Amino acid sequence: MTSTKRRIETDVMKLLMSDYEVTLVNDNMREFYVRFYGPGETPFAGGIWKIHVELQAEYPYKSPSIGFMNKIFHPNIDELSGSVCLDVINQTWSPMFDMINIFEVFLPQLLRYPNPNDPLNGEAAALMMRHPKEYEAKVKEYVQRFATKDIMDAAEDGNEDEADEEMSDIGSISEDEE
């Protein structure tokens, strides 16, 4: 077994054994979904997102591809594709990090401290800078419309009509395609 494959198995097993709800795609440790909860004391609190993760063949030397499956209103997340503009993941990734870091540190930090100066969603960035209260209200509206437990459960139960509207158009886009 190569060190890369062993590392993927180790990282994914740590994630599977954690408190996160992880769903492997076709029992493949290179592609899976994780239920991610919005951090408390932010406008994203109470939200639940389905995060699509793909581990490249070069993982952990190359960052994973991360994408939000259901819509989120955030300056650094593309609303249509769900792709994440996250410098730590895309540019400063290090093999020292693992999948748990993404869900316990990187994504919560991204939601707590958006960077409107490097936007993927220009509307969210402009609203955040010019009208912070309106931005916060729109974030909360998106949480209620697209990121509730009922919506997530409907999507996982296969109720496609109800879930389609809430899901992003594309699962995730790696940094190579941005």
C-alpha atoms as a PDB file:
ATOM      1  CA  MET A   1       0.000   0.000   0.000  1.00  0.00           C
ATOM      2  CA  THR A   2       1.402   3.390  -0.979  1.00  0.00           C
ATOM      3  CA  SER A   3       1.883   6.072   1.653  1.00  0.00           C
ATOM      4  CA  THR A   4      -0.657   8.258  -0.171  1.00  0.00           C
ATOM      5  CA  LYS A   5      -3.316   5.549  -0.078  1.00  0.00           C
ATOM      6  CA  ARG A   6      -2.547   4.770   3.571  1.00  0.00           C
ATOM      7  CA  ARG A   7      -2.818   8.472   4.438  1.00  0.00           C
ATOM      8  CA  ILE A   8      -6.190   8.752   2.683  1.00  0.00           C
ATOM      9  CA  GLU A   9      -7.474   5.732   4.601  1.00  0.00           C
ATOM     10  CA  THR A  10      -6.166   7.120   7.897  1.00  0.00           C
ATOM     11  CA  ASP A  11      -7.685  10.576   7.372  1.00  0.00           C
ATOM     12  CA  VAL A  12     -11.038   9.284   6.178  1.00  0.00           C
ATOM     13  CA  MET A  13     -11.229   6.728   9.012  1.00  0.00           C
ATOM     14  CA  LYS A  14     -10.548   9.518  11.535  1.00  0.00           C
ATOM     15  CA  LEU A  15     -13.406  11.476   9.980  1.00  0.00           C
ATOM     16  CA  LEU A  16     -15.717   8.432   9.969  1.00  0.00           C
ATOM     17  CA  MET A  17     -14.944   7.797  13.642  1.00  0.00           C
ATOM     18  CA  SER A  18     -15.538  11.446  14.585  1.00  0.00           C
ATOM     19  CA  ASP A  19     -18.898  13.024  15.371  1.00  0.00           C
ATOM     20  CA  TYR A  20     -19.323  14.081  11.739  1.00  0.00           C
ATOM     21  CA  GLU A  21     -21.894  12.341   9.558  1.00  0.00           C
ATOM     22  CA  VAL A  22     -19.901  11.026   6.603  1.00  0.00           C
ATOM     23  CA  THR A  23     -21.322   9.287   3.540  1.00  0.00           C
ATOM     24  CA  LEU A  24     -18.873   7.593   1.188  1.00  0.00           C
ATOM     25  CA  VAL A  25     -19.710   7.656  -2.529  1.00  0.00           C
ATOM     26  CA  ASN A  26     -19.707   4.044  -3.775  1.00  0.00           C
ATOM     27  CA  ASP A  27     -17.626   2.989  -0.738  1.00  0.00           C
ATOM     28  CA  ASN A  28     -14.804   5.085  -2.163  1.00  0.00           C
ATOM     29  CA  MET A  29     -12.563   6.842   0.352  1.00  0.00           C
ATOM     30  CA  ARG A  30     -11.575   9.423  -2.262  1.00  0.00           C
ATOM     31  CA  GLU A  31     -15.080  10.904  -2.577  1.00  0.00           C
ATOM     32  CA  PHE A  32     -17.603  11.499   0.173  1.00  0.00           C
ATOM     33  CA  TYR A  33     -20.085  13.900   1.738  1.00  0.00           C
ATOM     34  CA  VAL A  34     -19.936  15.387   5.228  1.00  0.00           C
ATOM     35  CA  ARG A  35     -22.754  17.076   7.123  1.00  0.00           C
ATOM     36  CA  PHE A  36     -21.397  20.387   8.352  1.00  0.00           C
ATOM     37  CA  TYR A  37     -23.124  22.584  10.924  1.00  0.00           C
ATOM     38  CA  GLY A  38     -22.815  26.368  10.893  1.00  0.00           C
ATOM     39  CA  PRO A  39     -20.731  27.699  13.783  1.00  0.00           C
ATOM     40  CA  GLY A  40     -22.600  29.181  16.742  1.00  0.00           C
ATOM     41  CA  GLU A  41     -22.670  32.924  17.312  1.00  0.00           C
ATOM     42  CA  THR A  42     -22.613  33.584  13.552  1.00  0.00           C
ATOM     43  CA  PRO A  43     -25.467  34.244  11.106  1.00  0.00           C
ATOM     44  CA  PHE A  44     -24.798  30.678   9.858  1.00  0.00           C
ATOM     45  CA  ALA A  45     -25.719  29.146  13.258  1.00  0.00           C
ATOM     46  CA  GLY A  46     -28.404  26.501  12.924  1.00  0.00           C
ATOM     47  CA  GLY A  47     -27.558  25.837   9.279  1.00  0.00           C
ATOM     48  CA  ILE A  48     -26.644  22.385   8.007  1.00  0.00           C
ATOM     49  CA  TRP A  49     -24.705  21.938   4.795  1.00  0.00           C
ATOM     50  CA  LYS A  50     -23.807  18.894   2.796  1.00  0.00           C
ATOM     51  CA  ILE A  51     -20.134  19.247   1.861  1.00  0.00           C
ATOM     52  CA  HIS A  52     -18.771  17.311  -1.116  1.00  0.00           C
ATOM     53  CA  VAL A  53     -15.146  16.241  -0.678  1.00  0.00           C
ATOM     54  CA  GLU A  54     -12.866  14.741  -3.297  1.00  0.00           C
ATOM     55  CA  LEU A  55      -9.337  13.662  -2.506  1.00  0.00           C
ATOM     56  CA  GLN A  56      -6.978  13.934  -5.453  1.00  0.00           C
ATOM     57  CA  ALA A  57      -4.493  11.167  -6.240  1.00  0.00           C
ATOM     58  CA  GLU A  58      -1.763  13.450  -4.869  1.00  0.00           C
ATOM     59  CA  TYR A  59      -3.469  13.878  -1.471  1.00  0.00           C
ATOM     60  CA  PRO A  60      -2.145  14.853   1.098  1.00  0.00           C
ATOM     61  CA  TYR A  61       0.391  16.754  -1.007  1.00  0.00           C
ATOM     62  CA  LYS A  62      -2.451  18.370  -2.937  1.00  0.00           C
ATOM     63  CA  SER A  63      -5.448  19.894  -1.173  1.00  0.00           C
ATOM     64  CA  PRO A  64      -8.856  18.212  -1.260  1.00  0.00           C
ATOM     65  CA  SER A  65     -11.613  19.640  -3.436  1.00  0.00           C
ATOM     66  CA  ILE A  66     -14.375  21.040  -1.202  1.00  0.00           C
ATOM     67  CA  GLY A  67     -17.838  22.214  -2.261  1.00  0.00           C
ATOM     68  CA  PHE A  68     -21.113  23.154  -0.589  1.00  0.00           C
ATOM     69  CA  MET A  69     -23.961  21.116  -2.072  1.00  0.00           C
ATOM     70  CA  ASN A  70     -26.783  23.283  -0.743  1.00  0.00           C
ATOM     71  CA  LYS A  71     -26.837  27.025  -1.250  1.00  0.00           C
ATOM     72  CA  ILE A  72     -25.089  29.420   1.087  1.00  0.00           C
ATOM     73  CA  PHE A  73     -24.784  33.220   0.922  1.00  0.00           C
ATOM     74  CA  HIS A  74     -21.118  33.998   1.583  1.00  0.00           C
ATOM     75  CA  PRO A  75     -18.530  36.223  -0.143  1.00  0.00           C
ATOM     76  CA  ASN A  76     -16.006  33.380  -0.556  1.00  0.00           C
ATOM     77  CA  ILE A  77     -18.374  30.622  -1.703  1.00  0.00           C
ATOM     78  CA  ASP A  78     -19.813  30.554  -5.211  1.00  0.00           C
ATOM     79  CA  GLU A  79     -23.590  30.513  -4.855  1.00  0.00           C
ATOM     80  CA  LEU A  80     -24.277  28.421  -7.971  1.00  0.00           C
ATOM     81  CA  SER A  81     -21.464  25.874  -7.867  1.00  0.00           C
ATOM     82  CA  GLY A  82     -20.834  25.768  -4.109  1.00  0.00           C
ATOM     83  CA  SER A  83     -17.086  25.946  -4.717  1.00  0.00           C
ATOM     84  CA  VAL A  84     -15.041  27.382  -1.878  1.00  0.00           C
ATOM     85  CA  CYS A  85     -12.454  30.119  -2.271  1.00  0.00           C
ATOM     86  CA  LEU A  86     -10.414  29.197   0.740  1.00  0.00           C
ATOM     87  CA  ASP A  87      -6.751  30.185   0.682  1.00  0.00           C
ATOM     88  CA  VAL A  88      -5.829  27.709   3.415  1.00  0.00           C
ATOM     89  CA  ILE A  89      -7.222  24.816   1.417  1.00  0.00           C
ATOM     90  CA  ASN A  90      -6.346  25.951  -2.097  1.00  0.00           C
ATOM     91  CA  GLN A  91      -3.016  27.720  -1.685  1.00  0.00           C
ATOM     92  CA  THR A  92      -1.501  27.079   1.715  1.00  0.00           C
ATOM     93  CA  TRP A  93      -2.504  23.449   2.125  1.00  0.00           C
ATOM     94  CA  SER A  94       0.138  21.352   3.816  1.00  0.00           C
ATOM     95  CA  PRO A  95       0.364  17.569   4.263  1.00  0.00           C
ATOM     96  CA  MET A  96       0.408  18.349   8.003  1.00  0.00           C
ATOM     97  CA  PHE A  97      -3.324  19.115   7.782  1.00  0.00           C
ATOM     98  CA  ASP A  98      -5.961  16.399   7.650  1.00  0.00           C
ATOM     99  CA  MET A  99      -9.683  16.178   6.913  1.00  0.00           C
ATOM    100  CA  ILE A 100     -10.651  16.873  10.539  1.00  0.00           C
ATOM    101  CA  ASN A 101      -8.827  20.238  10.268  1.00  0.00           C
ATOM    102  CA  ILE A 102     -11.074  21.237   7.386  1.00  0.00           C
ATOM    103  CA  PHE A 103     -14.277  20.652   9.345  1.00  0.00           C
ATOM    104  CA  GLU A 104     -13.097  21.762  12.787  1.00  0.00           C
ATOM    105  CA  VAL A 105     -10.953  24.745  11.811  1.00  0.00           C
ATOM    106  CA  PHE A 106     -10.917  25.853   8.177  1.00  0.00           C
ATOM    107  CA  LEU A 107     -14.634  25.898   7.306  1.00  0.00           C
ATOM    108  CA  PRO A 108     -15.763  27.336  10.678  1.00  0.00           C
ATOM    109  CA  GLN A 109     -13.113  30.081  10.308  1.00  0.00           C
ATOM    110  CA  LEU A 110     -14.287  30.807   6.767  1.00  0.00           C
ATOM    111  CA  LEU A 111     -17.868  31.279   7.971  1.00  0.00           C
ATOM    112  CA  ARG A 112     -16.822  33.321  11.016  1.00  0.00           C
ATOM    113  CA  TYR A 113     -14.420  35.605   9.130  1.00  0.00           C
ATOM    114  CA  PRO A 114     -15.460  36.050   5.477  1.00  0.00           C
ATOM    115  CA  ASN A 115     -13.012  37.935   3.265  1.00  0.00           C
ATOM    116  CA  PRO A 116     -15.010  40.351   1.074  1.00  0.00           C
ATOM    117  CA  ASN A 117     -11.765  41.467  -0.626  1.00  0.00           C
ATOM    118  CA  ASP A 118     -11.360  38.091  -2.399  1.00  0.00           C
ATOM    119  CA  PRO A 119     -14.938  37.247  -3.390  1.00  0.00           C
ATOM    120  CA  LEU A 120     -16.443  34.423  -5.398  1.00  0.00           C
ATOM    121  CA  ASN A 121     -19.856  35.941  -4.675  1.00  0.00           C
ATOM    122  CA  GLY A 122     -19.602  39.651  -5.480  1.00  0.00           C
ATOM    123  CA  GLU A 123     -23.125  40.405  -4.292  1.00  0.00           C
ATOM    124  CA  ALA A 124     -22.441  38.922  -0.847  1.00  0.00           C
ATOM    125  CA  ALA A 125     -19.106  40.760  -0.613  1.00  0.00           C
ATOM    126  CA  ALA A 126     -20.609  44.130  -1.567  1.00  0.00           C
ATOM    127  CA  LEU A 127     -23.563  43.707   0.789  1.00  0.00           C
ATOM    128  CA  MET A 128     -21.261  42.669   3.655  1.00  0.00           C
ATOM    129  CA  MET A 129     -19.048  45.746   3.186  1.00  0.00           C
ATOM    130  CA  ARG A 130     -21.795  48.317   2.535  1.00  0.00           C
ATOM    131  CA  HIS A 131     -24.746  47.029   4.573  1.00  0.00           C
ATOM    132  CA  PRO A 132     -23.584  44.495   7.201  1.00  0.00           C
ATOM    133  CA  LYS A 133     -27.042  44.160   8.815  1.00  0.00           C
ATOM    134  CA  GLU A 134     -28.674  43.395   5.446  1.00  0.00           C
ATOM    135  CA  TYR A 135     -25.893  40.892   4.702  1.00  0.00           C
ATOM    136  CA  GLU A 136     -26.515  39.132   8.019  1.00  0.00           C
ATOM    137  CA  ALA A 137     -30.281  39.059   7.332  1.00  0.00           C
ATOM    138  CA  LYS A 138     -29.715  37.533   3.872  1.00  0.00           C
ATOM    139  CA  VAL A 139     -27.353  34.894   5.322  1.00  0.00           C
ATOM    140  CA  LYS A 140     -30.054  33.935   7.848  1.00  0.00           C
ATOM    141  CA  GLU A 141     -32.687  33.866   5.089  1.00  0.00           C
ATOM    142  CA  TYR A 142     -30.512  31.447   3.079  1.00  0.00           C
ATOM    143  CA  VAL A 143     -30.037  29.266   6.159  1.00  0.00           C
ATOM    144  CA  GLN A 144     -33.832  29.056   6.550  1.00  0.00           C
ATOM    145  CA  ARG A 145     -34.458  28.446   2.829  1.00  0.00           C
ATOM    146  CA  PHE A 146     -31.603  26.081   1.984  1.00  0.00           C
ATOM    147  CA  ALA A 147     -29.849  24.715   5.074  1.00  0.00           C
ATOM    148  CA  THR A 148     -32.372  23.350   7.562  1.00  0.00           C
ATOM    149  CA  LYS A 149     -32.503  19.815   8.913  1.00  0.00           C
ATOM    150  CA  ASP A 150     -35.807  19.193   7.086  1.00  0.00           C
ATOM    151  CA  ILE A 151     -34.270  20.209   3.755  1.00  0.00           C
ATOM    152  CA  MET A 152     -31.183  18.054   4.349  1.00  0.00           C
ATOM    153  CA  ASP A 153     -33.302  15.071   5.371  1.00  0.00           C
ATOM    154  CA  ALA A 154     -35.531  15.503   2.302  1.00  0.00           C
ATOM    155  CA  ALA A 155     -32.466  15.586   0.057  1.00  0.00           C
ATOM    156  CA  GLU A 156     -31.034  12.431   1.635  1.00  0.00           C
ATOM    157  CA  ASP A 157     -34.383  10.628   1.569  1.00  0.00           C
ATOM    158  CA  GLY A 158     -34.507  11.140  -2.177  1.00  0.00           C
ATOM    159  CA  ASN A 159     -37.316  13.706  -2.231  1.00  0.00           C
ATOM    160  CA  GLU A 160     -35.756  15.337  -5.272  1.00  0.00           C
ATOM    161  CA  ASP A 161     -38.505  17.867  -6.060  1.00  0.00           C
ATOM    162  CA  GLU A 162     -38.163  19.535  -2.681  1.00  0.00           C
ATOM    163  CA  ALA A 163     -34.388  19.213  -2.508  1.00  0.00           C
ATOM    164  CA  ASP A 164     -33.378  20.238  -6.056  1.00  0.00           C
ATOM    165  CA  GLU A 165     -34.103  23.917  -5.506  1.00  0.00           C
ATOM    166  CA  GLU A 166     -31.951  23.984  -2.392  1.00  0.00           C
ATOM    167  CA  MET A 167     -28.911  22.258  -3.884  1.00  0.00           C
ATOM    168  CA  SER A 168     -26.107  23.993  -5.766  1.00  0.00           C
ATOM    169  CA  ASP A 169     -25.743  23.295  -9.470  1.00  0.00           C
ATOM    170  CA  ILE A 170     -22.312  21.678  -9.188  1.00  0.00           C
ATOM    171  CA  GLY A 171     -20.957  19.580  -6.339  1.00  0.00           C
ATOM    172  CA  SER A 172     -17.452  20.983  -6.085  1.00  0.00           C
ATOM    173  CA  ILE A 173     -14.780  22.530  -8.196  1.00  0.00           C
ATOM    174  CA  SER A 174     -11.129  21.991  -7.447  1.00  0.00           C
ATOM    175  CA  GLU A 175      -8.735  24.908  -7.501  1.00  0.00           C
ATOM    176  CA  ASP A 176      -7.452  23.799 -10.928  1.00  0.00           C
ATOM    177  CA  GLU A 177     -10.788  24.638 -12.502  1.00  0.00           C
ATOM    178  CA  GLU A 178     -11.274  28.058 -10.915  1.00  0.00           C
END
